[in-house]
C-alpha atoms as a PDB file:
ATOM      1  CA  MET A   1      -7.981 -25.534  17.060  1.00  0.00           C
ATOM      2  CA  SER A   2      -7.354 -25.330  20.804  1.00  0.00           C
ATOM      3  CA  PRO A   3      -8.129 -21.891  22.309  1.00  0.00           C
ATOM      4  CA  PHE A   4      -4.659 -21.815  23.911  1.00  0.00           C
ATOM      5  CA  ILE A   5      -2.907 -22.449  20.583  1.00  0.00           C
ATOM      6  CA  LEU A   6      -5.155 -19.873  18.894  1.00  0.00           C
ATOM      7  CA  ALA A   7      -4.358 -17.290  21.585  1.00  0.00           C
ATOM      8  CA  THR A   8      -0.611 -17.990  21.238  1.00  0.00           C
ATOM      9  CA  LEU A   9      -0.748 -17.590  17.441  1.00  0.00           C
ATOM     10  CA  LEU A  10      -2.754 -14.360  17.676  1.00  0.00           C
ATOM     11  CA  PHE A  11      -0.293 -13.043  20.266  1.00  0.00           C
ATOM     12  CA  ALA A  12       2.612 -13.893  17.927  1.00  0.00           C
ATOM     13  CA  LEU A  13       0.774 -12.179  15.073  1.00  0.00           C
ATOM     14  CA  GLY A  14       0.454  -9.005  17.117  1.00  0.00           C
ATOM     15  CA  LEU A  15       4.013  -9.304  18.414  1.00  0.00           C
ATOM     16  CA  GLY A  16       5.524  -9.572  14.924  1.00  0.00           C
ATOM     17  CA  THR A  17       3.695  -6.456  13.718  1.00  0.00           C
ATOM     18  CA  THR A  18       4.593  -4.522  16.890  1.00  0.00           C
ATOM     19  CA  VAL A  19       8.288  -5.474  16.604  1.00  0.00           C
ATOM     20  CA  THR A  20       8.335  -4.174  13.014  1.00  0.00           C
ATOM     21  CA  PHE A  21       6.541  -0.983  14.078  1.00  0.00           C
ATOM     22  CA  ALA A  22       9.012  -0.325  16.869  1.00  0.00           C
ATOM     23  CA  SER A  23      12.210  -1.182  14.994  1.00  0.00           C
ATOM     24  CA  SER A  24      14.672   1.283  13.484  1.00  0.00           C
ATOM     25  CA  HIS A  25      17.121  -1.493  12.489  1.00  0.00           C
ATOM     26  CA  TRP A  26      16.547  -3.558   9.347  1.00  0.00           C
ATOM     27  CA  LEU A  27      17.414  -6.868  11.035  1.00  0.00           C
ATOM     28  CA  LEU A  28      14.814  -6.301  13.757  1.00  0.00           C
ATOM     29  CA  ALA A  29      12.206  -5.266  11.174  1.00  0.00           C
ATOM     30  CA  TRP A  30      12.937  -8.445   9.196  1.00  0.00           C
ATOM     31  CA  MET A  31      12.541 -10.539  12.361  1.00  0.00           C
ATOM     32  CA  GLY A  32       9.153  -8.934  13.035  1.00  0.00           C
ATOM     33  CA  LEU A  33       7.982  -9.733   9.503  1.00  0.00           C
ATOM     34  CA  GLU A  34       9.140 -13.347   9.857  1.00  0.00           C
ATOM     35  CA  ILE A  35       7.334 -13.785  13.212  1.00  0.00           C
ATOM     36  CA  ASN A  36       4.230 -12.363  11.541  1.00  0.00           C
ATOM     37  CA  THR A  37       4.443 -14.792   8.604  1.00  0.00           C
ATOM     38  CA  LEU A  38       5.113 -17.866  10.759  1.00  0.00           C
ATOM     39  CA  ALA A  39       2.175 -17.000  13.061  1.00  0.00           C
ATOM     40  CA  ILE A  40      -0.388 -16.745  10.242  1.00  0.00           C
ATOM     41  CA  LEU A  41       0.567 -20.021   8.499  1.00  0.00           C
ATOM     42  CA  PRO A  42      -1.097 -22.398  11.057  1.00  0.00           C
ATOM     43  CA  LEU A  43      -4.215 -20.195  11.049  1.00  0.00           C
ATOM     44  CA  MET A  44      -4.441 -20.535   7.275  1.00  0.00           C
ATOM     45  CA  ALA A  45      -3.957 -24.318   7.213  1.00  0.00           C
ATOM     46  CA  GLN A  46      -6.073 -25.134  10.296  1.00  0.00           C
ATOM     47  CA  HIS A  47      -8.969 -26.707   8.325  1.00  0.00           C
ATOM     48  CA  HIS A  48      -6.624 -29.194   6.548  1.00  0.00           C
ATOM     49  CA  HIS A  49      -8.501 -28.731   3.292  1.00  0.00           C
ATOM     50  CA  PRO A  50      -6.317 -29.264   0.177  1.00  0.00           C
ATOM     51  CA  ARG A  51      -7.129 -25.732  -1.031  1.00  0.00           C
ATOM     52  CA  ALA A  52      -6.179 -24.234   2.328  1.00  0.00           C
ATOM     53  CA  VAL A  53      -2.885 -26.171   2.375  1.00  0.00           C
ATOM     54  CA  GLU A  54      -2.155 -25.072  -1.208  1.00  0.00           C
ATOM     55  CA  ALA A  55      -2.929 -21.437  -0.333  1.00  0.00           C
ATOM     56  CA  THR A  56      -0.693 -21.659   2.752  1.00  0.00           C
ATOM     57  CA  THR A  57       2.175 -23.059   0.655  1.00  0.00           C
ATOM     58  CA  LYS A  58       1.807 -20.317  -1.955  1.00  0.00           C
ATOM     59  CA  TYR A  59       1.695 -17.665   0.764  1.00  0.00           C
ATOM     60  CA  PHE A  60       4.793 -19.080   2.454  1.00  0.00           C
ATOM     61  CA  ILE A  61       6.773 -19.134  -0.819  1.00  0.00           C
ATOM     62  CA  ALA A  62       5.800 -15.539  -1.699  1.00  0.00           C
ATOM     63  CA  GLN A  63       6.563 -14.209   1.791  1.00  0.00           C
ATOM     64  CA  ALA A  64       9.839 -16.135   2.069  1.00  0.00           C
ATOM     65  CA  THR A  65      10.975 -14.739  -1.302  1.00  0.00           C
ATOM     66  CA  ALA A  66      10.101 -11.191  -0.199  1.00  0.00           C
ATOM     67  CA  ALA A  67      11.857 -11.669   3.164  1.00  0.00           C
ATOM     68  CA  ALA A  68      15.004 -13.001   1.448  1.00  0.00           C
ATOM     69  CA  MET A  69      15.002 -10.007  -0.919  1.00  0.00           C
ATOM     70  CA  LEU A  70      14.583  -7.625   2.005  1.00  0.00           C
ATOM     71  CA  LEU A  71      17.411  -9.206   3.987  1.00  0.00           C
ATOM     72  CA  PHE A  72      19.677  -9.191   0.936  1.00  0.00           C
ATOM     73  CA  ALA A  73      18.880  -5.531   0.200  1.00  0.00           C
ATOM     74  CA  SER A  74      19.439  -4.408   3.793  1.00  0.00           C
ATOM     75  CA  ALA A  75      22.765  -6.323   3.926  1.00  0.00           C
ATOM     76  CA  THR A  76      23.735  -4.691   0.606  1.00  0.00           C
ATOM     77  CA  ASN A  77      22.884  -1.292   2.075  1.00  0.00           C
ATOM     78  CA  ALA A  78      25.032  -2.016   5.139  1.00  0.00           C
ATOM     79  CA  TRP A  79      27.900  -3.063   2.846  1.00  0.00           C
ATOM     80  CA  LEU A  80      27.602   0.042   0.632  1.00  0.00           C
ATOM     81  CA  THR A  81      26.913   2.699   3.280  1.00  0.00           C
ATOM     82  CA  GLY A  82      27.779   1.105   6.647  1.00  0.00           C
ATOM     83  CA  GLN A  83      24.212   1.768   7.901  1.00  0.00           C
ATOM     84  CA  TRP A  84      21.510  -0.624   9.157  1.00  0.00           C
ATOM     85  CA  ASP A  85      19.115   2.195  10.091  1.00  0.00           C
ATOM     86  CA  ILE A  86      15.773   2.145   8.255  1.00  0.00           C
ATOM     87  CA  GLN A  87      15.563   5.928   7.898  1.00  0.00           C
ATOM     88  CA  LEU A  88      19.137   6.332   6.632  1.00  0.00           C
ATOM     89  CA  MET A  89      18.703   4.532   3.312  1.00  0.00           C
ATOM     90  CA  THR A  90      20.524   6.647   0.734  1.00  0.00           C
ATOM     91  CA  HIS A  91      21.806   4.306  -1.979  1.00  0.00           C
ATOM     92  CA  PRO A  92      19.255   3.790  -4.812  1.00  0.00           C
ATOM     93  CA  LEU A  93      19.994   0.060  -5.351  1.00  0.00           C
ATOM     94  CA  PRO A  94      19.003  -1.218  -1.871  1.00  0.00           C
ATOM     95  CA  VAL A  95      16.066   1.220  -1.702  1.00  0.00           C
ATOM     96  CA  THR A  96      14.707  -0.124  -5.019  1.00  0.00           C
ATOM     97  CA  LEU A  97      15.189  -3.754  -3.918  1.00  0.00           C
ATOM     98  CA  ILE A  98      13.499  -3.161  -0.559  1.00  0.00           C
ATOM     99  CA  THR A  99      10.587  -1.321  -2.206  1.00  0.00           C
ATOM    100  CA  LEU A 100      10.055  -4.289  -4.550  1.00  0.00           C
ATOM    101  CA  ALA A 101      10.338  -6.768  -1.652  1.00  0.00           C
ATOM    102  CA  LEU A 102       7.713  -4.879   0.379  1.00  0.00           C
ATOM    103  CA  ALA A 103       5.513  -4.607  -2.735  1.00  0.00           C
ATOM    104  CA  LEU A 104       5.698  -8.408  -3.066  1.00  0.00           C
ATOM    105  CA  LYS A 105       4.821  -8.772   0.626  1.00  0.00           C
ATOM    106  CA  ILE A 106       1.637  -6.699   0.397  1.00  0.00           C
ATOM    107  CA  GLY A 107       0.684  -7.846  -3.117  1.00  0.00           C
ATOM    108  CA  LEU A 108       1.198  -4.754  -5.281  1.00  0.00           C
ATOM    109  CA  ALA A 109       1.103  -5.284  -9.046  1.00  0.00           C
ATOM    110  CA  PRO A 110       2.991  -6.690 -10.895  1.00  0.00           C
ATOM    111  CA  MET A 111       3.954  -8.902  -7.884  1.00  0.00           C
ATOM    112  CA  HIS A 112       0.282  -9.520  -7.090  1.00  0.00           C
ATOM    113  CA  SER A 113      -0.488 -12.924  -8.638  1.00  0.00           C
ATOM    114  CA  TRP A 114      -0.213 -14.855  -5.349  1.00  0.00           C
ATOM    115  CA  LEU A 115      -2.803 -12.735  -3.499  1.00  0.00           C
ATOM    116  CA  PRO A 116      -6.097 -13.730  -5.242  1.00  0.00           C
ATOM    117  CA  GLU A 117      -5.115 -17.420  -5.200  1.00  0.00           C
ATOM    118  CA  VAL A 118      -4.219 -17.342  -1.504  1.00  0.00           C
ATOM    119  CA  ILE A 119      -7.339 -15.470  -0.366  1.00  0.00           C
ATOM    120  CA  GLN A 120      -9.529 -17.789  -2.486  1.00  0.00           C
ATOM    121  CA  GLY A 121      -8.069 -20.809  -0.660  1.00  0.00           C
ATOM    122  CA  VAL A 122      -8.801 -19.678   2.919  1.00  0.00           C
ATOM    123  CA  ASP A 123     -11.999 -18.831   4.789  1.00  0.00           C
ATOM    124  CA  PHE A 124     -13.391 -15.295   5.130  1.00  0.00           C
ATOM    125  CA  THR A 125     -11.951 -14.665   8.604  1.00  0.00           C
ATOM    126  CA  THR A 126      -8.383 -15.585   7.613  1.00  0.00           C
ATOM    127  CA  GLY A 127      -8.847 -13.715   4.322  1.00  0.00           C
ATOM    128  CA  LEU A 128      -9.831 -10.628   6.317  1.00  0.00           C
ATOM    129  CA  VAL A 129      -6.650 -10.906   8.431  1.00  0.00           C
ATOM    130  CA  LEU A 130      -4.543 -11.306   5.263  1.00  0.00           C
ATOM    131  CA  SER A 131      -6.210  -8.282   3.646  1.00  0.00           C
ATOM    132  CA  THR A 132      -5.900  -5.985   6.668  1.00  0.00           C
ATOM    133  CA  TRP A 133      -3.572  -6.867   9.544  1.00  0.00           C
ATOM    134  CA  GLN A 134      -0.890  -8.475   7.379  1.00  0.00           C
ATOM    135  CA  LYS A 135      -0.543  -5.247   5.361  1.00  0.00           C
ATOM    136  CA  LEU A 136       0.336  -3.129   8.408  1.00  0.00           C
ATOM    137  CA  ALA A 137       3.982  -4.060   9.010  1.00  0.00           C
ATOM    138  CA  PRO A 138       5.199  -3.826   5.365  1.00  0.00           C
ATOM    139  CA  PHE A 139       3.228  -0.602   4.913  1.00  0.00           C
ATOM    140  CA  ALA A 140       4.882   0.891   8.020  1.00  0.00           C
ATOM    141  CA  LEU A 141       8.301   0.112   6.497  1.00  0.00           C
ATOM    142  CA  LEU A 142       7.259   1.686   3.172  1.00  0.00           C
ATOM    143  CA  LEU A 143       6.211   4.823   5.062  1.00  0.00           C
ATOM    144  CA  GLN A 144       9.639   5.055   6.719  1.00  0.00           C
ATOM    145  CA  LEU A 145      11.628   4.655   3.486  1.00  0.00           C
ATOM    146  CA  GLN A 146      12.999   7.847   1.977  1.00  0.00           C
ATOM    147  CA  PRO A 147      12.147   7.334  -1.718  1.00  0.00           C
ATOM    148  CA  THR A 148      15.190   7.896  -3.926  1.00  0.00           C
ATOM    149  CA  ASN A 149      13.246   6.629  -6.942  1.00  0.00           C
ATOM    150  CA  SER A 150       9.777   8.209  -6.966  1.00  0.00           C
ATOM    151  CA  THR A 151       8.999   6.803 -10.443  1.00  0.00           C
ATOM    152  CA  LEU A 152       9.053   3.235  -9.069  1.00  0.00           C
ATOM    153  CA  LEU A 153       6.336   3.931  -6.474  1.00  0.00           C
ATOM    154  CA  LEU A 154       4.184   5.750  -9.026  1.00  0.00           C
ATOM    155  CA  ALA A 155       4.572   2.870 -11.514  1.00  0.00           C
ATOM    156  CA  LEU A 156       3.634   0.300  -8.846  1.00  0.00           C
ATOM    157  CA  GLY A 157       0.639   2.416  -7.831  1.00  0.00           C
ATOM    158  CA  VAL A 158      -0.720   2.884 -11.373  1.00  0.00           C
ATOM    159  CA  ALA A 159      -0.157  -0.785 -12.260  1.00  0.00           C
ATOM    160  CA  SER A 160      -1.992  -1.870  -9.097  1.00  0.00           C
ATOM    161  CA  THR A 161      -5.014   0.382  -9.671  1.00  0.00           C
ATOM    162  CA  LEU A 162      -5.352  -0.818 -13.281  1.00  0.00           C
ATOM    163  CA  ILE A 163      -4.762  -4.535 -12.586  1.00  0.00           C
ATOM    164  CA  GLY A 164      -6.982  -4.391  -9.478  1.00  0.00           C
ATOM    165  CA  GLY A 165      -9.784  -3.054 -11.685  1.00  0.00           C
ATOM    166  CA  TRP A 166      -9.213  -5.296 -14.697  1.00  0.00           C
ATOM    167  CA  GLY A 167      -8.584  -8.466 -12.699  1.00  0.00           C
ATOM    168  CA  GLY A 168     -11.901  -8.331 -10.870  1.00  0.00           C
ATOM    169  CA  LEU A 169     -14.056  -7.854 -13.966  1.00  0.00           C
ATOM    170  CA  ASN A 170     -14.519 -11.511 -14.942  1.00  0.00           C
ATOM    171  CA  GLN A 171     -14.414 -13.060 -11.457  1.00  0.00           C
ATOM    172  CA  THR A 172     -17.356 -14.930  -9.940  1.00  0.00           C
ATOM    173  CA  GLN A 173     -15.722 -15.905  -6.631  1.00  0.00           C
ATOM    174  CA  LEU A 174     -16.261 -13.271  -3.931  1.00  0.00           C
ATOM    175  CA  ARG A 175     -12.898 -13.785  -2.231  1.00  0.00           C
ATOM    176  CA  LYS A 176     -11.031 -13.226  -5.503  1.00  0.00           C
ATOM    177  CA  ILE A 177     -13.060 -10.063  -6.141  1.00  0.00           C
ATOM    178  CA  LEU A 178     -12.126  -8.797  -2.667  1.00  0.00           C
ATOM    179  CA  ALA A 179      -8.467  -9.653  -3.348  1.00  0.00           C
ATOM    180  CA  TYR A 180      -8.438  -7.580  -6.547  1.00  0.00           C
ATOM    181  CA  SER A 181     -10.230  -4.820  -4.639  1.00  0.00           C
ATOM    182  CA  SER A 182      -7.375  -4.961  -2.106  1.00  0.00           C
ATOM    183  CA  ILE A 183      -4.767  -4.651  -4.895  1.00  0.00           C
ATOM    184  CA  ALA A 184      -6.563  -1.604  -6.351  1.00  0.00           C
ATOM    185  CA  HIS A 185      -6.862   0.166  -2.983  1.00  0.00           C
ATOM    186  CA  LEU A 186      -3.198  -0.472  -2.174  1.00  0.00           C
ATOM    187  CA  GLY A 187      -2.369   1.071  -5.560  1.00  0.00           C
ATOM    188  CA  TRP A 188      -4.189   4.277  -4.549  1.00  0.00           C
ATOM    189  CA  MET A 189      -2.190   4.390  -1.295  1.00  0.00           C
ATOM    190  CA  THR A 190       1.109   3.842  -3.117  1.00  0.00           C
ATOM    191  CA  LEU A 191       0.348   6.667  -5.571  1.00  0.00           C
ATOM    192  CA  VAL A 192       0.160   9.243  -2.792  1.00  0.00           C
ATOM    193  CA  LEU A 193       2.643   7.658  -0.364  1.00  0.00           C
ATOM    194  CA  GLN A 194       5.637   9.893  -1.107  1.00  0.00           C
ATOM    195  CA  PHE A 195       3.655  13.135  -1.417  1.00  0.00           C
ATOM    196  CA  SER A 196       1.448  12.873   1.688  1.00  0.00           C
ATOM    197  CA  PRO A 197       2.167   9.963   4.083  1.00  0.00           C
ATOM    198  CA  SER A 198      -0.658  11.117   6.386  1.00  0.00           C
ATOM    199  CA  LEU A 199      -3.148  10.857   3.503  1.00  0.00           C
ATOM    200  CA  ALA A 200      -1.836   7.372   2.639  1.00  0.00           C
ATOM    201  CA  LEU A 201      -2.401   6.362   6.281  1.00  0.00           C
ATOM    202  CA  LEU A 202      -5.944   7.797   6.209  1.00  0.00           C
ATOM    203  CA  THR A 203      -6.650   5.814   3.020  1.00  0.00           C
ATOM    204  CA  LEU A 204      -5.346   2.651   4.723  1.00  0.00           C
ATOM    205  CA  ILE A 205      -7.685   3.173   7.714  1.00  0.00           C
ATOM    206  CA  VAL A 206     -10.696   3.831   5.448  1.00  0.00           C
ATOM    207  CA  TYR A 207      -9.805   0.753   3.361  1.00  0.00           C
ATOM    208  CA  PHE A 208      -9.580  -1.395   6.523  1.00  0.00           C
ATOM    209  CA  THR A 209     -13.031  -0.216   7.645  1.00  0.00           C
ATOM    210  CA  MET A 210     -14.685  -0.906   4.284  1.00  0.00           C
ATOM    211  CA  THR A 211     -12.967  -4.277   3.790  1.00  0.00           C
ATOM    212  CA  PHE A 212     -13.932  -5.344   7.330  1.00  0.00           C
ATOM    213  CA  SER A 213     -17.597  -4.635   6.485  1.00  0.00           C
ATOM    214  CA  ALA A 214     -17.421  -6.450   3.126  1.00  0.00           C
ATOM    215  CA  PHE A 215     -15.778  -9.600   4.505  1.00  0.00           C
ATOM    216  CA  LEU A 216     -18.142  -9.805   7.499  1.00  0.00           C
ATOM    217  CA  MET A 217     -21.151  -9.233   5.246  1.00  0.00           C
ATOM    218  CA  PHE A 218     -20.248 -12.183   2.996  1.00  0.00           C
ATOM    219  CA  LYS A 219     -19.359 -14.292   6.044  1.00  0.00           C
ATOM    220  CA  LEU A 220     -22.757 -13.612   7.662  1.00  0.00           C
ATOM    221  CA  ASN A 221     -24.500 -14.454   4.376  1.00  0.00           C
ATOM    222  CA  ASN A 222     -22.377 -17.590   3.993  1.00  0.00           C
ATOM    223  CA  SER A 223     -21.906 -16.722   0.304  1.00  0.00           C
ATOM    224  CA  THR A 224     -18.775 -17.644  -1.629  1.00  0.00           C
ATOM    225  CA  ASN A 225     -19.736 -16.745  -5.224  1.00  0.00           C
ATOM    226  CA  VAL A 226     -21.871 -14.193  -7.052  1.00  0.00           C
ATOM    227  CA  ASN A 227     -24.757 -16.624  -7.723  1.00  0.00           C
ATOM    228  CA  ALA A 228     -25.108 -17.424  -4.009  1.00  0.00           C
ATOM    229  CA  LEU A 229     -25.762 -13.733  -3.286  1.00  0.00           C
ATOM    230  CA  ALA A 230     -29.254 -14.057  -4.777  1.00  0.00           C
ATOM    231  CA  MET A 231     -30.247 -16.075  -1.692  1.00  0.00           C
ATOM    232  CA  SER A 232     -29.350 -13.225   0.674  1.00  0.00           C
ATOM    233  CA  TRP A 233     -32.824 -11.665   0.842  1.00  0.00           C
ATOM    234  CA  THR A 234     -34.223 -14.759   2.506  1.00  0.00           C
ATOM    235  CA  LYS A 235     -31.360 -15.080   4.998  1.00  0.00           C
ATOM    236  CA  ALA A 236     -30.595 -11.517   6.107  1.00  0.00           C
ATOM    237  CA  PRO A 237     -32.874  -8.833   4.634  1.00  0.00           C
ATOM    238  CA  VAL A 238     -31.437  -5.895   6.622  1.00  0.00           C
ATOM    239  CA  THR A 239     -27.847  -6.846   5.786  1.00  0.00           C
ATOM    240  CA  THR A 240     -28.822  -7.210   2.135  1.00  0.00           C
ATOM    241  CA  ALA A 241     -30.398  -3.751   2.132  1.00  0.00           C
ATOM    242  CA  LEU A 242     -27.174  -2.222   3.514  1.00  0.00           C
ATOM    243  CA  ALA A 243     -24.839  -4.290   1.310  1.00  0.00           C
ATOM    244  CA  PRO A 244     -25.068  -2.110  -1.849  1.00  0.00           C
ATOM    245  CA  LEU A 245     -24.041   0.934   0.212  1.00  0.00           C
ATOM    246  CA  VAL A 246     -20.994  -0.928   1.540  1.00  0.00           C
ATOM    247  CA  LEU A 247     -20.036  -2.069  -1.973  1.00  0.00           C
ATOM    248  CA  LEU A 248     -20.534   1.376  -3.513  1.00  0.00           C
ATOM    249  CA  SER A 249     -18.441   2.865  -0.708  1.00  0.00           C
ATOM    250  CA  LEU A 250     -15.668   0.434  -1.692  1.00  0.00           C
ATOM    251  CA  GLY A 251     -16.120   1.696  -5.247  1.00  0.00           C
ATOM    252  CA  GLY A 252     -15.638   5.284  -4.059  1.00  0.00           C
ATOM    253  CA  LEU A 253     -19.030   6.826  -4.863  1.00  0.00           C
ATOM    254  CA  PRO A 254     -20.182   9.983  -3.050  1.00  0.00           C
ATOM    255  CA  PRO A 255     -21.762  10.575  -0.527  1.00  0.00           C
ATOM    256  CA  LEU A 256     -20.184   7.466   1.062  1.00  0.00           C
ATOM    257  CA  THR A 257     -16.983   7.161   3.103  1.00  0.00           C
ATOM    258  CA  GLY A 258     -14.925   5.553   0.317  1.00  0.00           C
ATOM    259  CA  PHE A 259     -15.222   8.716  -1.789  1.00  0.00           C
ATOM    260  CA  MET A 260     -13.246  10.728   0.776  1.00  0.00           C
ATOM    261  CA  SER A 261      -9.852   9.067   0.297  1.00  0.00           C
ATOM    262  CA  LYS A 262     -10.125   8.918  -3.518  1.00  0.00           C
ATOM    263  CA  TRP A 263     -11.151  12.566  -3.655  1.00  0.00           C
ATOM    264  CA  LEU A 264      -8.241  13.700  -1.463  1.00  0.00           C
ATOM    265  CA  ILE A 265      -5.726  11.546  -3.388  1.00  0.00           C
ATOM    266  CA  LEU A 266      -6.860  12.955  -6.758  1.00  0.00           C
ATOM    267  CA  GLN A 267      -6.593  16.463  -5.285  1.00  0.00           C
ATOM    268  CA  GLU A 268      -3.039  15.765  -4.036  1.00  0.00           C
ATOM    269  CA  LEU A 269      -1.931  14.289  -7.391  1.00  0.00           C
ATOM    270  CA  THR A 270      -3.319  17.381  -9.154  1.00  0.00           C
ATOM    271  CA  LYS A 271      -1.387  19.625  -6.744  1.00  0.00           C
ATOM    272  CA  GLN A 272       1.795  17.723  -7.668  1.00  0.00           C
ATOM    273  CA  GLU A 273       1.018  18.405 -11.373  1.00  0.00           C
ATOM    274  CA  LEU A 274       0.494  14.722 -12.114  1.00  0.00           C
ATOM    275  CA  MET A 275      -2.741  15.156 -14.055  1.00  0.00           C
ATOM    276  CA  PRO A 276      -2.196  12.124 -16.375  1.00  0.00           C
ATOM    277  CA  LEU A 277      -1.718   9.836 -13.344  1.00  0.00           C
ATOM    278  CA  ALA A 278      -4.792  11.300 -11.638  1.00  0.00           C
ATOM    279  CA  THR A 279      -6.828  10.697 -14.813  1.00  0.00           C
ATOM    280  CA  ILE A 280      -5.654   7.080 -15.134  1.00  0.00           C
ATOM    281  CA  ALA A 281      -6.394   6.442 -11.427  1.00  0.00           C
ATOM    282  CA  ALA A 282      -9.891   7.941 -11.747  1.00  0.00           C
ATOM    283  CA  LEU A 283     -10.629   5.846 -14.852  1.00  0.00           C
ATOM    284  CA  SER A 284      -9.352   2.693 -13.125  1.00  0.00           C
ATOM    285  CA  ALA A 285     -11.820   3.392 -10.291  1.00  0.00           C
ATOM    286  CA  LEU A 286     -14.598   2.958 -12.901  1.00  0.00           C
ATOM    287  CA  LEU A 287     -13.339  -0.573 -13.615  1.00  0.00           C
ATOM    288  CA  SER A 288     -13.560  -1.425  -9.922  1.00  0.00           C
ATOM    289  CA  LEU A 289     -16.965   0.236  -9.675  1.00  0.00           C
ATOM    290  CA  TYR A 290     -18.297  -2.077 -12.391  1.00  0.00           C
ATOM    291  CA  PHE A 291     -17.698  -5.266 -10.423  1.00  0.00           C
ATOM    292  CA  TYR A 292     -19.011  -3.700  -7.193  1.00  0.00           C
ATOM    293  CA  LEU A 293     -22.186  -2.801  -9.113  1.00  0.00           C
ATOM    294  CA  ARG A 294     -22.357  -6.402 -10.348  1.00  0.00           C
ATOM    295  CA  LEU A 295     -22.304  -7.616  -6.745  1.00  0.00           C
ATOM    296  CA  ALA A 296     -24.882  -5.018  -5.677  1.00  0.00           C
ATOM    297  CA  TYR A 297     -27.142  -6.088  -8.562  1.00  0.00           C
ATOM    298  CA  ALA A 298     -26.798  -9.776  -7.652  1.00  0.00           C
ATOM    299  CA  LEU A 299     -27.603  -8.990  -4.020  1.00  0.00           C
ATOM    300  CA  THR A 300     -30.616  -6.727  -4.412  1.00  0.00           C
ATOM    301  CA  LEU A 301     -32.152  -7.067  -7.870  1.00  0.00           C
ATOM    302  CA  THR A 302     -32.038 -10.829  -8.471  1.00  0.00           C
ATOM    303  CA  VAL A 303     -34.035 -13.554  -6.774  1.00  0.00           C
ATOM    304  CA  SER A 304     -32.851 -17.140  -6.710  1.00  0.00           C
ATOM    305  CA  PRO A 305     -35.123 -19.670  -8.434  1.00  0.00           C
ATOM    306  CA  ASN A 306     -37.272 -21.433  -5.845  1.00  0.00           C
ATOM    307  CA  THR A 307     -38.955 -24.730  -6.626  1.00  0.00           C
ATOM    308  CA  LEU A 308     -40.703 -27.254  -4.444  1.00  0.00           C
ATOM    309  CA  ILE A 309     -37.495 -29.312  -4.390  1.00  0.00           C
ATOM    310  CA  GLY A 310     -35.104 -26.470  -3.596  1.00  0.00           C
ATOM    311  CA  THR A 311     -36.794 -23.950  -1.297  1.00  0.00           C
ATOM    312  CA  ALA A 312     -35.203 -20.916   0.288  1.00  0.00           C
ATOM    313  CA  PRO A 313     -33.488 -21.586   3.635  1.00  0.00           C
ATOM    314  CA  TRP A 314     -35.084 -20.678   6.946  1.00  0.00           C
ATOM    315  CA  ARG A 315     -33.907 -17.534   8.704  1.00  0.00           C
ATOM    316  CA  HIS A 316     -32.342 -18.816  11.894  1.00  0.00           C
ATOM    317  CA  PRO A 317     -30.985 -16.398  14.501  1.00  0.00           C
ATOM    318  CA  THR A 318     -27.327 -15.871  13.661  1.00  0.00           C
ATOM    319  CA  SER A 319     -24.651 -17.133  16.030  1.00  0.00           C
ATOM    320  CA  HIS A 320     -22.133 -14.570  14.747  1.00  0.00           C
ATOM    321  CA  LEU A 321     -21.260 -11.420  16.656  1.00  0.00           C
ATOM    322  CA  THR A 322     -22.897  -8.644  14.639  1.00  0.00           C
ATOM    323  CA  LEU A 323     -21.849  -5.610  16.720  1.00  0.00           C
ATOM    324  CA  SER A 324     -18.493  -5.274  14.947  1.00  0.00           C
ATOM    325  CA  PHE A 325     -20.224  -5.587  11.576  1.00  0.00           C
ATOM    326  CA  SER A 326     -22.780  -2.919  12.526  1.00  0.00           C
ATOM    327  CA  ALA A 327     -20.081  -0.487  13.724  1.00  0.00           C
ATOM    328  CA  SER A 328     -17.886  -0.957  10.628  1.00  0.00           C
ATOM    329  CA  THR A 329     -20.909  -0.615   8.310  1.00  0.00           C
ATOM    330  CA  VAL A 330     -21.917   2.689   9.913  1.00  0.00           C
ATOM    331  CA  ALA A 331     -18.322   3.928   9.502  1.00  0.00           C
ATOM    332  CA  THR A 332     -18.243   2.681   5.887  1.00  0.00           C
ATOM    333  CA  ILE A 333     -21.387   4.585   4.936  1.00  0.00           C
ATOM    334  CA  PHE A 334     -21.586   7.767   7.019  1.00  0.00           C
ATOM    335  CA  LEU A 335     -18.088   9.255   7.564  1.00  0.00           C
ATOM    336  CA  LEU A 336     -17.899  11.553   4.511  1.00  0.00           C
ATOM    337  CA  PRO A 337     -19.399  14.630   6.312  1.00  0.00           C
ATOM    338  CA  ILE A 338     -16.360  14.799   8.619  1.00  0.00           C
ATOM    339  CA  ALA A 339     -13.992  15.056   5.603  1.00  0.00           C
ATOM    340  CA  PRO A 340     -13.366  18.826   6.163  1.00  0.00           C
ATOM    341  CA  ALA A 341     -12.194  18.113   9.720  1.00  0.00           C
ATOM    342  CA  ILE A 342      -9.890  15.345   8.446  1.00  0.00           C
ATOM    343  CA  VAL A 343      -8.471  17.657   5.742  1.00  0.00           C
ATOM    344  CA  MET A 344      -7.767  20.259   8.412  1.00  0.00           C
ATOM    345  CA  LEU A 345      -5.984  17.674  10.578  1.00  0.00           C
ATOM    346  CA  LEU A 346      -3.901  16.506   7.590  1.00  0.00           C
ATOM    347  CA  SER A 347      -2.789  20.066   6.862  1.00  0.00           C
ATOM    348  CA  LEU A 348      -1.509  20.676  10.431  1.00  0.00           C
END
């Protein structure tokens, strides 16, 4: 792809998200989401591989359906209440429809089935954009909604944590595992969204950092499935040594960064006297932890069979930029000690 076209598409991607961030009118927010969707489609289909084209088509259909639902719900709200303002949503019907439309946009369960298929069909870089940047605009709209039906958000959150854990158990493709990991993390954010928006935002930032490290790690290793991870020792020994820490941080084990957001969310749910939900969320984290441990085991404790015919590849100097990977890995592993300062900031 030409650098000029790439720069234009990336600019449009940023513009769409910024327009949605800055809008207080539903029509403007919808326009921002549409600009965002139309900008990512050429980036997804740029390799002209049948799988990439199929993934792009699936993504377009899912996003177009969600956008149509959102436009219909906002028009219904204007008809019922005379208001187009995002923060003045009072009628339960349009609020429920818009919540479901935004859940479809970001891939919350049970509207999640498009996400693993789409991320499996694109490369790691585009998959990273879909798992991080493309979540920002819909999540900003969810933050601005005044929930008239708190049960809906809690149901979406619990379903996402459970399906995100269960769905990844029998997967062998790394991109699908990361997609189910994304669904589970978004479920945790949705659980706490209405009780503590600042904590949901913190969880989103921590999730972005950990996912950035995981995607770049697999991209540097050039691994697409679990079996290919056994070759990592010969290609990038230092990265392979750090990889289990990144994966266990995604799983939420102390003393790593990923534990911080799960710990604070469970504390907040307990404060709201939602002990059954907190218990289900904690148990669903064990499901996710199992497939992260599988990946860590494949990376560090297995060695690929080497014969005279198929020898291990040479370690060539990498052409990838590793500074961003190093910075995100440090943040993924070492940020838990500043949790008290973050808790204090959240309570201000």
